[in-house]
PDB file of all heavy atoms in Angstrom:
ATOM      1  N   TRP A   1     -22.368  -8.684-132.315  1.00  0.00           N
ATOM      2  CA  TRP A   1     -23.293  -7.692-132.897  1.00  0.00           C
ATOM      3  C   TRP A   1     -24.721  -7.933-132.394  1.00  0.00           C
ATOM      4  O   TRP A   1     -25.265  -9.016-132.504  1.00  0.00           O
ATOM      5  CB  TRP A   1     -23.261  -7.762-134.410  1.00  0.00           C
ATOM      6  CG  TRP A   1     -23.980  -6.630-135.097  1.00  0.00           C
ATOM      7  CD1 TRP A   1     -25.266  -6.613-135.522  1.00  0.00           C
ATOM      8  CD2 TRP A   1     -23.433  -5.357-135.427  1.00  0.00           C
ATOM      9  NE1 TRP A   1     -25.568  -5.409-136.109  1.00  0.00           N
ATOM     10  CE2 TRP A   1     -24.453  -4.605-136.062  1.00  0.00           C
ATOM     11  CE3 TRP A   1     -22.183  -4.768-135.259  1.00  0.00           C
ATOM     12  CZ2 TRP A   1     -24.261  -3.310-136.534  1.00  0.00           C
ATOM     13  CZ3 TRP A   1     -21.990  -3.472-135.726  1.00  0.00           C
ATOM     14  CH2 TRP A   1     -23.021  -2.758-136.347  1.00  0.00           C
ATOM     15  N   ASP A   2     -25.322  -6.868-131.865  1.00  0.00           N
ATOM     16  CA  ASP A   2     -26.718  -6.891-131.411  1.00  0.00           C
ATOM     17  C   ASP A   2     -27.483  -5.920-132.305  1.00  0.00           C
ATOM     18  O   ASP A   2     -27.344  -4.701-132.179  1.00  0.00           O
ATOM     19  CB  ASP A   2     -26.786  -6.464-129.942  1.00  0.00           C
ATOM     20  CG  ASP A   2     -28.201  -6.497-129.369  1.00  0.00           C
ATOM     21  OD1 ASP A   2     -29.165  -6.255-130.136  1.00  0.00           O
ATOM     22  OD2 ASP A   2     -28.343  -6.736-128.164  1.00  0.00           O
ATOM     23  N   GLU A   3     -28.286  -6.446-133.206  1.00  0.00           N
ATOM     24  CA  GLU A   3     -28.953  -5.608-134.206  1.00  0.00           C
ATOM     25  C   GLU A   3     -29.880  -4.587-133.555  1.00  0.00           C
ATOM     26  O   GLU A   3     -29.957  -3.433-133.993  1.00  0.00           O
ATOM     27  CB  GLU A   3     -29.739  -6.474-135.189  1.00  0.00           C
ATOM     28  CG  GLU A   3     -30.349  -5.703-136.346  1.00  0.00           C
ATOM     29  CD  GLU A   3     -29.320  -5.162-137.346  1.00  0.00           C
ATOM     30  OE1 GLU A   3     -28.116  -5.479-137.216  1.00  0.00           O
ATOM     31  OE2 GLU A   3     -29.724  -4.413-138.260  1.00  0.00           O
ATOM     32  N   ARG A   4     -30.589  -4.985-132.489  1.00  0.00           N
ATOM     33  CA  ARG A   4     -31.497  -4.035-131.835  1.00  0.00           C
ATOM     34  C   ARG A   4     -30.698  -2.871-131.237  1.00  0.00           C
ATOM     35  O   ARG A   4     -31.084  -1.713-131.401  1.00  0.00           O
ATOM     36  CB  ARG A   4     -32.295  -4.728-130.747  1.00  0.00           C
ATOM     37  CG  ARG A   4     -33.115  -3.740-129.916  1.00  0.00           C
ATOM     38  CD  ARG A   4     -33.876  -4.425-128.790  1.00  0.00           C
ATOM     39  NE  ARG A   4     -35.098  -5.039-129.272  1.00  0.00           N
ATOM     40  CZ  ARG A   4     -35.985  -5.628-128.465  1.00  0.00           C
ATOM     41  NH1 ARG A   4     -35.761  -5.694-127.168  1.00  0.00           N
ATOM     42  NH2 ARG A   4     -37.095  -6.141-128.975  1.00  0.00           N
ATOM     43  N   ALA A   5     -29.590  -3.157-130.561  1.00  0.00           N
ATOM     44  CA  ALA A   5     -28.763  -2.088-129.977  1.00  0.00           C
ATOM     45  C   ALA A   5     -28.197  -1.181-131.065  1.00  0.00           C
ATOM     46  O   ALA A   5     -28.142   0.047-130.902  1.00  0.00           O
ATOM     47  CB  ALA A   5     -27.641  -2.692-129.140  1.00  0.00           C
ATOM     48  N   TYR A   6     -27.795  -1.796-132.184  1.00  0.00           N
ATOM     49  CA  TYR A   6     -27.286  -0.980-133.291  1.00  0.00           C
ATOM     50  C   TYR A   6     -28.359  -0.047-133.827  1.00  0.00           C
ATOM     51  O   TYR A   6     -28.122   1.156-134.043  1.00  0.00           O
ATOM     52  CB  TYR A   6     -26.750  -1.861-134.421  1.00  0.00           C
ATOM     53  CG  TYR A   6     -26.704  -1.123-135.728  1.00  0.00           C
ATOM     54  CD1 TYR A   6     -25.824  -0.055-135.922  1.00  0.00           C
ATOM     55  CD2 TYR A   6     -27.594  -1.439-136.755  1.00  0.00           C
ATOM     56  CE1 TYR A   6     -25.817   0.659-137.111  1.00  0.00           C
ATOM     57  CE2 TYR A   6     -27.584  -0.732-137.950  1.00  0.00           C
ATOM     58  CZ  TYR A   6     -26.702   0.318-138.123  1.00  0.00           C
ATOM     59  OH  TYR A   6     -26.713   1.032-139.294  1.00  0.00           O
ATOM     60  N   LEU A   7     -29.580  -0.563-134.064  1.00  0.00           N
ATOM     61  CA  LEU A   7     -30.647   0.265-134.628  1.00  0.00           C
ATOM     62  C   LEU A   7     -31.019   1.413-133.692  1.00  0.00           C
ATOM     63  O   LEU A   7     -31.315   2.526-134.145  1.00  0.00           O
ATOM     64  CB  LEU A   7     -31.874  -0.596-134.938  1.00  0.00           C
ATOM     65  CG  LEU A   7     -31.705  -1.597-136.087  1.00  0.00           C
ATOM     66  CD1 LEU A   7     -32.940  -2.488-136.208  1.00  0.00           C
ATOM     67  CD2 LEU A   7     -31.424  -0.879-137.404  1.00  0.00           C
ATOM     68  N   GLU A   8     -30.987   1.158-132.387  1.00  0.00           N
ATOM     69  CA  GLU A   8     -31.252   2.245-131.442  1.00  0.00           C
ATOM     70  C   GLU A   8     -30.175   3.314-131.541  1.00  0.00           C
ATOM     71  O   GLU A   8     -30.474   4.513-131.536  1.00  0.00           O
ATOM     72  CB  GLU A   8     -31.317   1.675-130.021  1.00  0.00           C
ATOM     73  CG  GLU A   8     -32.558   0.832-129.753  1.00  0.00           C
ATOM     74  CD  GLU A   8     -32.535   0.193-128.376  1.00  0.00           C
ATOM     75  OE1 GLU A   8     -31.497   0.330-127.668  1.00  0.00           O
ATOM     76  OE2 GLU A   8     -33.552  -0.438-127.994  1.00  0.00           O
ATOM     77  N   ALA A   9     -28.922   2.904-131.639  1.00  0.00           N
ATOM     78  CA  ALA A   9     -27.821   3.863-131.775  1.00  0.00           C
ATOM     79  C   ALA A   9     -27.918   4.610-133.101  1.00  0.00           C
ATOM     80  O   ALA A   9     -27.684   5.826-133.169  1.00  0.00           O
ATOM     81  CB  ALA A   9     -26.485   3.138-131.672  1.00  0.00           C
ATOM     82  N   ARG A  10     -28.284   3.896-134.143  1.00  0.00           N
ATOM     83  CA  ARG A  10     -28.439   4.513-135.459  1.00  0.00           C
ATOM     84  C   ARG A  10     -29.498   5.599-135.438  1.00  0.00           C
ATOM     85  O   ARG A  10     -29.280   6.729-135.922  1.00  0.00           O
ATOM     86  CB  ARG A  10     -28.823   3.439-136.484  1.00  0.00           C
ATOM     87  CG  ARG A  10     -28.959   3.944-137.899  1.00  0.00           C
ATOM     88  CD  ARG A  10     -29.755   2.985-138.759  1.00  0.00           C
ATOM     89  NE  ARG A  10     -31.182   2.972-138.392  1.00  0.00           N
ATOM     90  CZ  ARG A  10     -32.107   2.237-139.011  1.00  0.00           C
ATOM     91  NH1 ARG A  10     -31.757   1.424-139.998  1.00  0.00           N
ATOM     92  NH2 ARG A  10     -33.368   2.295-138.626  1.00  0.00           N
ATOM     93  N   ASP A  11     -30.656   5.295-134.877  1.00  0.00           N
ATOM     94  CA  ASP A  11     -31.764   6.257-134.885  1.00  0.00           C
ATOM     95  C   ASP A  11     -31.460   7.464-133.989  1.00  0.00           C
ATOM     96  O   ASP A  11     -31.868   8.589-134.309  1.00  0.00           O
ATOM     97  CB  ASP A  11     -33.065   5.582-134.462  1.00  0.00           C
ATOM     98  CG  ASP A  11     -33.634   4.679-135.561  1.00  0.00           C
ATOM     99  OD1 ASP A  11     -32.996   4.600-136.633  1.00  0.00           O
ATOM    100  OD2 ASP A  11     -34.693   4.060-135.339  1.00  0.00           O
ATOM    101  N   ARG A  12     -30.745   7.253-132.878  1.00  0.00           N
ATOM    102  CA  ARG A  12     -30.330   8.406-132.060  1.00  0.00           C
ATOM    103  C   ARG A  12     -29.447   9.337-132.872  1.00  0.00           C
ATOM    104  O   ARG A  12     -29.593  10.564-132.814  1.00  0.00           O
ATOM    105  CB  ARG A  12     -29.573   7.920-130.819  1.00  0.00           C
ATOM    106  CG  ARG A  12     -30.430   7.423-129.691  1.00  0.00           C
ATOM    107  CD  ARG A  12     -29.647   7.355-128.393  1.00  0.00           C
ATOM    108  NE  ARG A  12     -28.458   6.497-128.502  1.00  0.00           N
ATOM    109  CZ  ARG A  12     -28.458   5.182-128.292  1.00  0.00           C
ATOM    110  NH1 ARG A  12     -29.584   4.570-127.967  1.00  0.00           N
ATOM    111  NH2 ARG A  12     -27.338   4.489-128.377  1.00  0.00           N
ATOM    112  N   ALA A  13     -28.537   8.764-133.625  1.00  0.00           N
ATOM    113  CA  ALA A  13     -27.642   9.583-134.441  1.00  0.00           C
ATOM    114  C   ALA A  13     -28.414  10.355-135.506  1.00  0.00           C
ATOM    115  O   ALA A  13     -28.137  11.533-135.767  1.00  0.00           O
ATOM    116  CB  ALA A  13     -26.583   8.698-135.096  1.00  0.00           C
ATOM    117  N   ILE A  14     -29.376   9.706-136.127  1.00  0.00           N
ATOM    118  CA  ILE A  14     -30.151  10.362-137.181  1.00  0.00           C
ATOM    119  C   ILE A  14     -30.981  11.505-136.592  1.00  0.00           C
ATOM    120  O   ILE A  14     -31.077  12.589-137.187  1.00  0.00           O
ATOM    121  CB  ILE A  14     -31.047   9.340-137.908  1.00  0.00           C
ATOM    122  CG1 ILE A  14     -30.172   8.327-138.667  1.00  0.00           C
ATOM    123  CG2 ILE A  14     -31.997  10.051-138.871  1.00  0.00           C
ATOM    124  CD1 ILE A  14     -30.938   7.149-139.222  1.00  0.00           C
ATOM    125  N   ARG A  15     -31.574  11.285-135.450  1.00  0.00           N
ATOM    126  CA  ARG A  15     -32.368  12.354-134.819  1.00  0.00           C
ATOM    127  C   ARG A  15     -31.484  13.558-134.477  1.00  0.00           C
ATOM    128  O   ARG A  15     -31.895  14.702-134.636  1.00  0.00           O
ATOM    129  CB  ARG A  15     -33.066  11.810-133.574  1.00  0.00           C
ATOM    130  CG  ARG A  15     -34.203  10.848-133.879  1.00  0.00           C
ATOM    131  CD  ARG A  15     -34.969  10.447-132.618  1.00  0.00           C
ATOM    132  NE  ARG A  15     -36.145   9.649-132.967  1.00  0.00           N
ATOM    133  CZ  ARG A  15     -36.185   8.316-132.908  1.00  0.00           C
ATOM    134  NH1 ARG A  15     -35.122   7.642-132.474  1.00  0.00           N
ATOM    135  NH2 ARG A  15     -37.284   7.665-133.246  1.00  0.00           N
ATOM    136  N   ASN A  16     -30.285  13.278-134.010  1.00  0.00           N
ATOM    137  CA  ASN A  16     -29.362  14.380-133.707  1.00  0.00           C
ATOM    138  C   ASN A  16     -28.973  15.115-134.984  1.00  0.00           C
ATOM    139  O   ASN A  16     -28.890  16.347-135.018  1.00  0.00           O
ATOM    140  CB  ASN A  16     -28.113  13.835-133.014  1.00  0.00           C
ATOM    141  CG  ASN A  16     -27.179  14.944-132.566  1.00  0.00           C
ATOM    142  OD1 ASN A  16     -27.524  15.758-131.714  1.00  0.00           O
ATOM    143  ND2 ASN A  16     -25.984  15.003-133.144  1.00  0.00           N
ATOM    144  N   TRP A  17     -28.769  14.362-136.049  1.00  0.00           N
ATOM    145  CA  TRP A  17     -28.419  14.959-137.346  1.00  0.00           C
ATOM    146  C   TRP A  17     -29.565  15.847-137.846  1.00  0.00           C
ATOM    147  O   TRP A  17     -29.331  16.950-138.338  1.00  0.00           O
ATOM    148  CB  TRP A  17     -28.108  13.847-138.348  1.00  0.00           C
ATOM    149  CG  TRP A  17     -27.673  14.331-139.693  1.00  0.00           C
ATOM    150  CD1 TRP A  17     -26.416  14.670-140.086  1.00  0.00           C
ATOM    151  CD2 TRP A  17     -28.520  14.515-140.847  1.00  0.00           C
ATOM    152  NE1 TRP A  17     -26.408  15.063-141.409  1.00  0.00           N
ATOM    153  CE2 TRP A  17     -27.692  14.973-141.896  1.00  0.00           C
ATOM    154  CE3 TRP A  17     -29.881  14.338-141.084  1.00  0.00           C
ATOM    155  CZ2 TRP A  17     -28.188  15.252-143.156  1.00  0.00           C
ATOM    156  CZ3 TRP A  17     -30.382  14.626-142.347  1.00  0.00           C
ATOM    157  CH2 TRP A  17     -29.541  15.071-143.368  1.00  0.00           C
ATOM    158  N   ILE A  18     -30.793  15.382-137.719  1.00  0.00           N
ATOM    159  CA  ILE A  18     -31.961  16.187-138.118  1.00  0.00           C
ATOM    160  C   ILE A  18     -31.974  17.503-137.346  1.00  0.00           C
ATOM    161  O   ILE A  18     -32.164  18.587-137.922  1.00  0.00           O
ATOM    162  CB  ILE A  18     -33.270  15.411-137.868  1.00  0.00           C
ATOM    163  CG1 ILE A  18     -33.383  14.220-138.820  1.00  0.00           C
ATOM    164  CG2 ILE A  18     -34.481  16.335-138.018  1.00  0.00           C
ATOM    165  CD1 ILE A  18     -34.530  13.276-138.479  1.00  0.00           C
ATOM    166  N   ARG A  19     -31.776  17.411-136.037  1.00  0.00           N
ATOM    167  CA  ARG A  19     -31.835  18.604-135.180  1.00  0.00           C
ATOM    168  C   ARG A  19     -30.797  19.645-135.590  1.00  0.00           C
ATOM    169  O   ARG A  19     -31.097  20.841-135.648  1.00  0.00           O
ATOM    170  CB  ARG A  19     -31.603  18.190-133.724  1.00  0.00           C
ATOM    171  CG  ARG A  19     -31.618  19.339-132.726  1.00  0.00           C
ATOM    172  CD  ARG A  19     -31.378  18.837-131.315  1.00  0.00           C
ATOM    173  NE  ARG A  19     -30.081  18.188-131.172  1.00  0.00           N
ATOM    174  CZ  ARG A  19     -28.928  18.850-130.996  1.00  0.00           C
ATOM    175  NH1 ARG A  19     -28.923  20.177-130.955  1.00  0.00           N
ATOM    176  NH2 ARG A  19     -27.803  18.198-130.860  1.00  0.00           N
ATOM    177  N   ILE A  20     -29.587  19.202-135.915  1.00  0.00           N
ATOM    178  CA  ILE A  20     -28.506  20.145-136.238  1.00  0.00           C
ATOM    179  C   ILE A  20     -28.555  20.581-137.692  1.00  0.00           C
ATOM    180  O   ILE A  20     -28.497  21.778-138.004  1.00  0.00           O
ATOM    181  CB  ILE A  20     -27.143  19.507-135.917  1.00  0.00           C
ATOM    182  CG1 ILE A  20     -27.010  19.282-134.401  1.00  0.00           C
ATOM    183  CG2 ILE A  20     -26.002  20.394-136.415  1.00  0.00           C
ATOM    184  CD1 ILE A  20     -25.761  18.537-133.987  1.00  0.00           C
ATOM    185  N   ARG A  21     -28.667  19.647-138.613  1.00  0.00           N
ATOM    186  CA  ARG A  21     -28.549  19.995-140.040  1.00  0.00           C
ATOM    187  C   ARG A  21     -29.762  20.753-140.567  1.00  0.00           C
ATOM    188  O   ARG A  21     -29.644  21.528-141.519  1.00  0.00           O
ATOM    189  CB  ARG A  21     -28.348  18.725-140.865  1.00  0.00           C
ATOM    190  CG  ARG A  21     -26.981  18.150-140.746  1.00  0.00           C
ATOM    191  CD  ARG A  21     -25.912  19.009-141.436  1.00  0.00           C
ATOM    192  NE  ARG A  21     -24.687  18.997-140.628  1.00  0.00           N
ATOM    193  CZ  ARG A  21     -24.083  20.064-140.188  1.00  0.00           C
ATOM    194  NH1 ARG A  21     -24.550  21.253-140.460  1.00  0.00           N
ATOM    195  NH2 ARG A  21     -22.985  19.972-139.461  1.00  0.00           N
ATOM    196  N   LEU A  22     -30.929  20.548-139.977  1.00  0.00           N
ATOM    197  CA  LEU A  22     -32.123  21.251-140.441  1.00  0.00           C
ATOM    198  C   LEU A  22     -32.522  22.387-139.506  1.00  0.00           C
ATOM    199  O   LEU A  22     -33.641  22.902-139.576  1.00  0.00           O
ATOM    200  CB  LEU A  22     -33.286  20.265-140.613  1.00  0.00           C
ATOM    201  CG  LEU A  22     -33.087  19.293-141.795  1.00  0.00           C
ATOM    202  CD1 LEU A  22     -34.053  18.137-141.726  1.00  0.00           C
ATOM    203  CD2 LEU A  22     -33.203  20.018-143.123  1.00  0.00           C
ATOM    204  N   ASP A  23     -31.599  22.781-138.661  1.00  0.00           N
ATOM    205  CA  ASP A  23     -31.816  23.943-137.802  1.00  0.00           C
ATOM    206  C   ASP A  23     -32.040  25.183-138.679  1.00  0.00           C
ATOM    207  O   ASP A  23     -31.365  25.354-139.708  1.00  0.00           O
ATOM    208  CB  ASP A  23     -30.587  24.153-136.904  1.00  0.00           C
ATOM    209  CG  ASP A  23     -30.785  25.265-135.895  1.00  0.00           C
ATOM    210  OD1 ASP A  23     -30.673  26.448-136.305  1.00  0.00           O
ATOM    211  OD2 ASP A  23     -31.030  24.976-134.722  1.00  0.00           O
ATOM    212  N   PRO A  24     -32.969  26.059-138.320  1.00  0.00           N
ATOM    213  CA  PRO A  24     -33.251  27.245-139.155  1.00  0.00           C
ATOM    214  C   PRO A  24     -32.040  28.132-139.403  1.00  0.00           C
ATOM    215  O   PRO A  24     -32.010  28.880-140.379  1.00  0.00           O
ATOM    216  CB  PRO A  24     -34.324  27.996-138.350  1.00  0.00           C
ATOM    217  CG  PRO A  24     -34.989  26.940-137.524  1.00  0.00           C
ATOM    218  CD  PRO A  24     -33.911  25.954-137.178  1.00  0.00           C
ATOM    219  N   ARG A  25     -31.004  28.035-138.554  1.00  0.00           N
ATOM    220  CA  ARG A  25     -29.825  28.881-138.719  1.00  0.00           C
ATOM    221  C   ARG A  25     -28.821  28.322-139.722  1.00  0.00           C
ATOM    222  O   ARG A  25     -27.855  29.005-140.082  1.00  0.00           O
ATOM    223  CB  ARG A  25     -29.140  29.072-137.361  1.00  0.00           C
ATOM    224  CG  ARG A  25     -29.962  29.887-136.363  1.00  0.00           C
ATOM    225  CD  ARG A  25     -29.402  29.772-134.972  1.00  0.00           C
ATOM    226  NE  ARG A  25     -29.569  28.405-134.439  1.00  0.00           N
ATOM    227  CZ  ARG A  25     -29.263  28.049-133.208  1.00  0.00           C
ATOM    228  NH1 ARG A  25     -28.753  28.946-132.363  1.00  0.00           N
ATOM    229  NH2 ARG A  25     -29.444  26.797-132.805  1.00  0.00           N
ATOM    230  N   GLN A  26     -29.041  27.112-140.209  1.00  0.00           N
ATOM    231  CA  GLN A  26     -28.105  26.521-141.157  1.00  0.00           C
ATOM    232  C   GLN A  26     -28.193  27.224-142.509  1.00  0.00           C
ATOM    233  O   GLN A  26     -29.296  27.601-142.954  1.00  0.00           O
ATOM    234  CB  GLN A  26     -28.394  25.030-141.330  1.00  0.00           C
ATOM    235  CG  GLN A  26     -28.046  24.185-140.128  1.00  0.00           C
ATOM    236  CD  GLN A  26     -26.538  24.059-139.931  1.00  0.00           C
ATOM    237  OE1 GLN A  26     -25.775  24.017-140.878  1.00  0.00           O
ATOM    238  NE2 GLN A  26     -26.119  24.011-138.671  1.00  0.00           N
ATOM    239  N   PRO A  27     -27.061  27.407-143.201  1.00  0.00           N
ATOM    240  CA  PRO A  27     -27.043  28.147-144.476  1.00  0.00           C
ATOM    241  C   PRO A  27     -27.446  27.279-145.654  1.00  0.00           C
ATOM    242  O   PRO A  27     -26.684  27.084-146.607  1.00  0.00           O
ATOM    243  CB  PRO A  27     -25.577  28.579-144.583  1.00  0.00           C
ATOM    244  CG  PRO A  27     -24.821  27.455-143.937  1.00  0.00           C
ATOM    245  CD  PRO A  27     -25.694  26.992-142.789  1.00  0.00           C
ATOM    246  N   ILE A  28     -28.659  26.746-145.615  1.00  0.00           N
ATOM    247  CA  ILE A  28     -29.120  25.812-146.634  1.00  0.00           C
ATOM    248  C   ILE A  28     -30.439  26.294-147.210  1.00  0.00           C
ATOM    249  O   ILE A  28     -31.047  27.241-146.715  1.00  0.00           O
ATOM    250  CB  ILE A  28     -29.308  24.399-146.036  1.00  0.00           C
ATOM    251  CG1 ILE A  28     -30.353  24.435-144.906  1.00  0.00           C
ATOM    252  CG2 ILE A  28     -27.983  23.836-145.525  1.00  0.00           C
ATOM    253  CD1 ILE A  28     -30.720  23.070-144.337  1.00  0.00           C
ATOM    254  N   ASP A  29     -30.887  25.652-148.276  1.00  0.00           N
ATOM    255  CA  ASP A  29     -32.243  25.857-148.790  1.00  0.00           C
ATOM    256  C   ASP A  29     -33.144  24.938-147.959  1.00  0.00           C
ATOM    257  O   ASP A  29     -33.191  23.727-148.174  1.00  0.00           O
ATOM    258  CB  ASP A  29     -32.298  25.480-150.274  1.00  0.00           C
ATOM    259  CG  ASP A  29     -33.669  25.744-150.889  1.00  0.00           C
ATOM    260  OD1 ASP A  29     -34.685  25.606-150.176  1.00  0.00           O
ATOM    261  OD2 ASP A  29     -33.724  26.076-152.086  1.00  0.00           O
TER     262      ASP A  29
END
């Protein structure tokens, strides 16, 4: 386990999630 490599992978995933889930076309409030 390399904590720095994990955190980089984690943050990439979160940024992608932000881009998709908070897209203006999503059926959310």
